[in-house]
């Protein structure tokens, strides 16, 4: 995996690396500084080392750790979302980073960044205003403010992951959301997934039992095996019969009971979001959540975090299709 850094805290990075990785990084620094300027050589070598570290270690996504109620203090986490950066008013050497976790509005994020560790003038420029970026950081401290939590972070890396090993069918080397849309699945293209739903359509679907919805998806996909529902299932439907641009893709579905009349939110996906967590343990290329009404954007962000953590992709099928002009068609 390759990364492009705007901020790279060398000292903390070396404390995270194993002894073997530290030696490899130091050798790379010596090689690079012989060929380039000292500072540019160090940045190049450290970026390669961070990329290797991320490729070799399973770092928990922050949104997943929070939803699953994992211990947070002192934990190393990674996440990708929009954050706000600004210079501290009384200091030219400190940049403040803050935001709200995109999968849980009750979690606030904050960090102070020393300009000593920004990667050149480009890095300083990138760390200003609102930016979508990837952050690898320790959770240094947690404050509770009413029902909200403020996480004080100590970042190691801020920048972008560039995964050049992604299958060409997805064309997602630089797309960190990992989302696929229904109209991209060959079996769905002629099934009305591009049609705007009416209130009558939604009301009609709400009367169809979940068992029948599963059977209808199975028929569309040509899947003959459907397991009976039970409490510990990882998915409601799994198939390897789907294709995307003619290439086979495996799909796993979590179908929400039509009895749920409200918007689908994370807290309606089981205790500690375990329905979504189980879904992503399936050996599927694409994990799909279906609900006949609205699906909260925080659910979409949570599925995005799960997809990144598990090297999979996700899809939502809801009662509010996007206008065709907003759909991606370049995969």
Protein backbone atom coordinates (compact mmCIF):
# COMPACT_ATOMS: atom_id res chain seq x y z
CA UNK A 1 0.00 0.00 0.00
CA UNK A 2 1.20 3.51 -0.80
CA UNK A 3 0.40 6.65 1.16
CA UNK A 4 0.70 10.35 0.51
CA UNK A 5 1.31 12.27 3.72
CA UNK A 6 0.45 15.83 4.68
CA UNK A 7 1.53 15.21 8.29
CA UNK A 8 3.92 12.55 9.51
CA UNK A 9 5.12 12.41 13.13
CA UNK A 10 8.44 10.62 12.80
CA UNK A 11 9.07 9.97 16.49
CA UNK A 12 5.69 8.37 17.17
CA UNK A 13 5.92 6.38 13.93
CA UNK A 14 9.21 4.83 15.02
CA UNK A 15 7.68 3.93 18.40
CA UNK A 16 4.90 2.02 16.59
CA UNK A 17 7.18 0.13 14.18
CA UNK A 18 8.66 -3.23 15.11
CA UNK A 19 12.45 -3.40 15.39
CA UNK A 20 12.63 -4.94 11.93
CA UNK A 21 10.50 -2.16 10.45
CA UNK A 22 12.58 0.50 12.21
CA UNK A 23 15.77 -0.93 10.73
CA UNK A 24 14.20 -1.12 7.29
CA UNK A 25 13.00 2.49 7.58
CA UNK A 26 16.44 3.69 8.70
CA UNK A 27 18.10 1.88 5.79
CA UNK A 28 15.58 3.46 3.42
CA UNK A 29 16.24 6.91 4.89
CA UNK A 30 19.98 6.49 4.37
CA UNK A 31 19.40 5.41 0.77
CA UNK A 32 16.96 8.23 0.02
CA UNK A 33 19.05 10.97 1.59
CA UNK A 34 21.97 9.91 -0.61
CA UNK A 35 19.83 10.47 -3.69
CA UNK A 36 17.63 13.42 -2.67
CA UNK A 37 17.75 16.32 -0.23
CA UNK A 38 17.91 15.16 3.37
CA UNK A 39 14.36 16.18 4.35
CA UNK A 40 12.70 15.01 1.13
CA UNK A 41 14.54 11.70 1.44
CA UNK A 42 13.28 11.21 4.99
CA UNK A 43 9.68 11.98 3.99
CA UNK A 44 9.83 9.58 1.04
CA UNK A 45 11.26 6.75 3.14
CA UNK A 46 8.84 7.28 6.03
CA UNK A 47 5.84 7.37 3.71
CA UNK A 48 6.91 4.00 2.31
CA UNK A 49 7.29 2.65 5.86
CA UNK A 50 3.84 3.90 6.90
CA UNK A 51 2.35 2.29 3.80
CA UNK A 52 4.04 -1.01 4.67
CA UNK A 53 2.86 -0.74 8.28
CA UNK A 54 -0.78 -0.21 7.24
CA UNK A 55 -0.58 -3.10 4.78
CA UNK A 56 0.86 -5.49 7.38
CA UNK A 57 -1.29 -4.57 10.40
CA UNK A 58 -5.03 -4.58 10.99
CA UNK A 59 -5.71 -1.14 12.48
CA UNK A 60 -9.30 -0.80 13.78
CA UNK A 61 -11.49 1.82 12.16
CA UNK A 62 -12.49 4.40 14.79
CA UNK A 63 -16.20 4.23 13.90
CA UNK A 64 -16.21 0.45 14.18
CA UNK A 65 -14.38 0.49 17.52
CA UNK A 66 -16.91 2.96 18.94
CA UNK A 67 -20.00 1.17 17.61
CA UNK A 68 -18.77 -2.17 18.97
CA UNK A 69 -18.09 -0.58 22.38
CA UNK A 70 -14.38 -1.50 22.31
CA UNK A 71 -11.98 0.11 24.83
CA UNK A 72 -10.75 3.41 23.39
CA UNK A 73 -8.22 5.04 25.70
CA UNK A 74 -4.68 4.58 24.38
CA UNK A 75 -5.91 2.73 21.30
CA UNK A 76 -4.35 3.14 17.85
CA UNK A 77 -7.10 3.76 15.29
CA UNK A 78 -7.56 4.87 11.71
CA UNK A 79 -10.44 6.74 10.06
CA UNK A 80 -11.22 8.67 6.89
CA UNK A 81 -13.62 11.61 6.74
CA UNK A 82 -13.91 15.38 6.45
CA UNK A 83 -12.12 17.35 9.18
CA UNK A 84 -11.49 21.02 9.81
CA UNK A 85 -7.96 22.45 10.17
CA UNK A 86 -6.94 25.94 11.28
CA UNK A 87 -3.90 27.68 12.71
CA UNK A 88 -4.02 28.29 16.43
CA UNK A 89 -4.58 32.01 16.89
CA UNK A 90 -1.70 32.54 19.34
CA UNK A 91 0.81 30.21 17.67
CA UNK A 92 2.25 29.90 14.17
CA UNK A 93 3.62 26.45 14.98
CA UNK A 94 0.36 24.70 15.94
CA UNK A 95 -2.52 23.58 13.74
CA UNK A 96 -5.82 22.63 15.35
CA UNK A 97 -7.74 19.68 13.87
CA UNK A 98 -11.33 19.04 14.88
CA UNK A 99 -14.56 17.51 13.66
CA UNK A 100 -17.49 15.24 14.44
CA UNK A 101 -17.19 11.52 13.76
CA UNK A 102 -19.20 10.95 10.58
CA UNK A 103 -20.76 7.70 11.84
CA UNK A 104 -21.67 8.99 15.33
CA UNK A 105 -22.57 12.64 15.92
CA UNK A 106 -22.08 12.24 19.69
CA UNK A 107 -18.33 11.76 19.22
CA UNK A 108 -16.17 14.86 18.73
CA UNK A 109 -12.58 14.72 17.53
CA UNK A 110 -9.72 17.08 18.36
CA UNK A 111 -5.95 17.22 17.96
CA UNK A 112 -3.12 19.75 18.07
CA UNK A 113 -0.57 19.33 15.28
CA UNK A 114 2.94 20.73 15.34
CA UNK A 115 4.00 22.24 12.03
CA UNK A 116 7.37 20.53 12.66
CA UNK A 117 5.82 17.33 11.28
CA UNK A 118 3.98 18.72 8.26
CA UNK A 119 5.34 17.37 4.98
CA UNK A 120 6.68 20.46 3.22
CA UNK A 121 4.72 23.49 2.08
CA UNK A 122 2.15 21.23 0.40
CA UNK A 123 1.43 19.57 3.72
CA UNK A 124 0.86 22.89 5.44
CA UNK A 125 -1.45 23.95 2.63
CA UNK A 126 -3.40 20.68 2.85
CA UNK A 127 -3.91 21.10 6.60
CA UNK A 128 -6.16 24.13 6.29
CA UNK A 129 -9.90 24.52 5.96
CA UNK A 130 -12.15 21.50 5.48
CA UNK A 131 -10.44 18.44 4.04
CA UNK A 132 -11.38 14.80 3.58
CA UNK A 133 -8.37 12.87 4.81
CA UNK A 134 -7.18 9.67 6.47
CA UNK A 135 -5.87 9.86 10.04
CA UNK A 136 -3.79 7.26 11.89
CA UNK A 137 -3.72 8.28 15.55
CA UNK A 138 -3.65 7.27 19.17
CA UNK A 139 -6.65 8.16 21.33
CA UNK A 140 -4.78 10.09 23.99
CA UNK A 141 -7.62 11.16 26.27
CA UNK A 142 -11.43 11.18 26.41
CA UNK A 143 -13.64 13.90 27.92
CA UNK A 144 -17.33 13.36 28.56
CA UNK A 145 -19.49 16.42 27.89
CA UNK A 146 -23.12 15.59 28.66
CA UNK A 147 -24.06 12.74 26.31
CA UNK A 148 -21.14 13.53 23.99
CA UNK A 149 -17.54 12.35 24.09
CA UNK A 150 -14.52 14.41 23.05
CA UNK A 151 -11.61 12.32 21.84
CA UNK A 152 -8.20 13.95 22.06
CA UNK A 153 -6.07 12.40 19.34
CA UNK A 154 -2.32 12.16 18.84
CA UNK A 155 -1.90 11.67 15.08
CA UNK A 156 0.97 9.78 13.51
CA UNK A 157 -0.12 10.15 9.91
CA UNK A 158 -2.57 12.44 8.11
CA UNK A 159 -2.96 12.12 4.37
CA UNK A 160 -4.27 9.65 1.82
CA UNK A 161 -3.99 5.91 1.25
CA UNK A 162 -3.43 4.88 -2.37
CA UNK A 163 -4.28 1.22 -2.83
CA UNK A 164 -2.97 0.30 -6.29
CA UNK A 165 -3.83 -3.38 -5.82
CA UNK A 166 -7.62 -2.84 -6.07
CA UNK A 167 -9.39 -4.89 -8.73
CA UNK A 168 -9.82 -2.85 -11.94
CA UNK A 169 -13.53 -3.68 -11.94
CA UNK A 170 -14.03 -1.27 -9.07
CA UNK A 171 -11.52 1.38 -10.18
CA UNK A 172 -11.22 2.55 -6.59
CA UNK A 173 -7.48 3.13 -6.26
CA UNK A 174 -8.16 6.61 -4.88
CA UNK A 175 -11.77 6.17 -3.63
CA UNK A 176 -11.78 5.52 0.11
CA UNK A 177 -15.57 5.26 0.51
CA UNK A 178 -15.69 1.80 -1.11
CA UNK A 179 -19.33 2.16 -2.18
CA UNK A 180 -21.01 0.35 -5.05
CA UNK A 181 -24.47 1.28 -6.37
CA UNK A 182 -27.31 -1.08 -7.38
CA UNK A 183 -27.30 0.04 -11.02
CA UNK A 184 -23.74 -1.30 -11.34
CA UNK A 185 -24.78 -4.92 -10.69
CA UNK A 186 -25.70 -6.57 -14.00
CA UNK A 187 -28.72 -8.44 -12.59
CA UNK A 188 -30.14 -5.22 -11.13
CA UNK A 189 -29.80 -3.02 -14.21
CA UNK A 190 -33.17 -4.00 -15.73
CA UNK A 191 -35.05 -4.32 -12.44
CA UNK A 192 -36.10 -0.73 -11.85
CA UNK A 193 -33.40 0.29 -9.39
CA UNK A 194 -33.08 3.60 -11.27
CA UNK A 195 -36.78 4.40 -10.84
CA UNK A 196 -37.81 7.01 -8.29
CA UNK A 197 -40.12 5.46 -5.71
CA UNK A 198 -43.52 6.88 -4.81
CA UNK A 199 -45.17 6.77 -1.39
CA UNK A 200 -47.45 4.07 -2.79
CA UNK A 201 -44.39 1.98 -3.77
CA UNK A 202 -42.93 2.25 -0.27
CA UNK A 203 -46.26 1.38 1.31
CA UNK A 204 -46.56 -1.64 -0.96
CA UNK A 205 -43.08 -2.91 -0.06
CA UNK A 206 -43.78 -2.41 3.65
CA UNK A 207 -46.48 -5.11 3.42
CA UNK A 208 -44.14 -7.75 1.94
CA UNK A 209 -42.70 -10.15 4.54
CA UNK A 210 -38.90 -10.25 4.86
CA UNK A 211 -38.93 -13.92 3.78
CA UNK A 212 -40.55 -12.95 0.48
CA UNK A 213 -38.14 -10.04 -0.06
CA UNK A 214 -35.26 -12.49 0.36
CA UNK A 215 -36.88 -14.89 -2.11
CA UNK A 216 -37.32 -12.13 -4.68
CA UNK A 217 -33.68 -11.02 -4.43
CA UNK A 218 -32.64 -14.68 -4.79
CA UNK A 219 -34.74 -15.05 -7.97
CA UNK A 220 -33.30 -11.87 -9.49
CA UNK A 221 -29.77 -13.14 -8.83
CA UNK A 222 -30.43 -16.74 -9.86
CA UNK A 223 -29.60 -18.05 -6.39
CA UNK A 224 -31.39 -21.32 -5.55
CA UNK A 225 -30.11 -21.74 -1.98
CA UNK A 226 -31.64 -19.58 0.77
CA UNK A 227 -31.07 -20.51 4.38
CA UNK A 228 -33.85 -20.16 6.98
CA UNK A 229 -33.56 -17.12 9.25
CA UNK A 230 -32.10 -17.53 12.75
CA UNK A 231 -30.77 -15.16 15.40
CA UNK A 232 -27.04 -15.73 14.91
CA UNK A 233 -26.92 -15.56 11.12
CA UNK A 234 -24.16 -13.52 9.52
CA UNK A 235 -26.36 -12.48 6.58
CA UNK A 236 -29.92 -12.97 5.37
CA UNK A 237 -28.82 -13.97 1.87
CA UNK A 238 -25.45 -14.89 0.36
CA UNK A 239 -24.80 -15.51 -3.32
CA UNK A 240 -21.89 -15.89 -5.68
CA UNK A 241 -24.14 -15.67 -8.74
CA UNK A 242 -23.96 -11.90 -9.24
CA UNK A 243 -21.86 -10.22 -11.92
CA UNK A 244 -20.54 -6.70 -12.36
CA UNK A 245 -19.61 -5.75 -15.91
CA UNK A 246 -19.67 -9.47 -16.64
CA UNK A 247 -17.24 -10.44 -13.86
CA UNK A 248 -18.46 -12.60 -10.95
CA UNK A 249 -19.02 -10.93 -7.58
CA UNK A 250 -20.25 -12.40 -4.31
CA UNK A 251 -22.92 -10.51 -2.36
CA UNK A 252 -24.10 -10.73 1.25
CA UNK A 253 -27.39 -9.07 2.29
CA UNK A 254 -28.72 -7.75 5.58
CA UNK A 255 -32.45 -7.25 5.07
CA UNK A 256 -34.31 -5.07 7.56
CA UNK A 257 -37.75 -6.29 8.50
CA UNK A 258 -40.49 -4.21 6.80
CA UNK A 259 -42.03 -3.94 10.25
CA UNK A 260 -39.47 -1.21 10.93
CA UNK A 261 -41.46 1.83 9.82
CA UNK A 262 -38.84 4.44 10.64
CA UNK A 263 -35.52 5.53 9.21
CA UNK A 264 -32.77 2.93 9.64
CA UNK A 265 -30.16 4.14 12.12
CA UNK A 266 -27.12 2.38 13.57
CA UNK A 267 -28.89 1.66 16.86
CA UNK A 268 -31.53 -0.31 14.92
CA UNK A 269 -28.88 -2.73 13.63
CA UNK A 270 -28.63 -4.76 16.83
CA UNK A 271 -26.72 -4.30 20.07
CA UNK A 272 -23.38 -2.61 19.36
CA UNK A 273 -24.34 -2.69 15.64
CA UNK A 274 -23.66 -6.44 15.64
CA UNK A 275 -25.89 -7.06 12.61
CA UNK A 276 -23.57 -4.94 10.47
CA UNK A 277 -20.46 -6.37 12.13
CA UNK A 278 -21.61 -9.93 11.39
CA UNK A 279 -22.47 -9.03 7.80
CA UNK A 280 -18.87 -8.05 7.09
CA UNK A 281 -17.58 -11.41 8.35
CA UNK A 282 -19.11 -13.02 5.26
CA UNK A 283 -16.64 -13.87 2.45
CA UNK A 284 -18.39 -11.40 0.15
CA UNK A 285 -17.01 -8.83 -2.28
CA UNK A 286 -19.96 -6.52 -1.57
CA UNK A 287 -22.00 -6.31 1.66
CA UNK A 288 -25.51 -4.91 1.17
CA UNK A 289 -27.96 -3.37 3.64
CA UNK A 290 -31.57 -3.13 2.42
CA UNK A 291 -34.41 -1.15 4.00
CA UNK A 292 -37.61 -0.02 2.33
CA UNK A 293 -37.41 3.45 3.90
CA UNK A 294 -34.65 6.01 4.48
CA UNK A 295 -31.21 4.87 5.63
CA UNK A 296 -29.44 7.38 7.86
CA UNK A 297 -26.21 8.83 6.38
CA UNK A 298 -24.37 7.74 9.56
CA UNK A 299 -25.21 4.13 8.65
CA UNK A 300 -23.66 4.67 5.24
CA UNK A 301 -20.53 6.14 6.86
CA UNK A 302 -20.37 3.20 9.29
CA UNK A 303 -20.63 0.70 6.43
CA UNK A 304 -17.87 2.62 4.65
CA UNK A 305 -15.62 2.23 7.72
CA UNK A 306 -16.40 -1.50 7.92
CA UNK A 307 -15.65 -1.91 4.21
CA UNK A 308 -12.26 -0.21 4.58
CA UNK A 309 -11.40 -2.26 7.66
CA UNK A 310 -12.30 -5.56 5.99
CA UNK A 311 -11.10 -4.81 2.42
CA UNK A 312 -14.62 -5.20 1.07
CA UNK A 313 -17.22 -2.94 -0.56
CA UNK A 314 -20.70 -1.95 0.51
CA UNK A 315 -24.07 -1.03 -0.98
CA UNK A 316 -27.31 0.35 0.41
CA UNK A 317 -30.70 -0.33 -1.16
CA UNK A 318 -33.27 2.01 0.30
CA UNK A 319 -36.53 3.76 -0.48
CA UNK A 320 -34.83 6.92 -1.68
CA UNK A 321 -32.89 6.19 -4.90
CA UNK A 322 -30.47 8.87 -6.06
CA UNK A 323 -31.26 10.83 -9.22
CA UNK A 324 -29.39 9.35 -12.18
CA UNK A 325 -27.25 12.50 -12.48
CA UNK A 326 -25.74 11.79 -9.04
CA UNK A 327 -24.94 8.10 -9.56
CA UNK A 328 -21.46 6.88 -10.38
CA UNK A 329 -21.13 5.13 -13.70
CA UNK A 330 -17.33 5.11 -14.13
CA UNK A 331 -16.51 1.79 -12.42
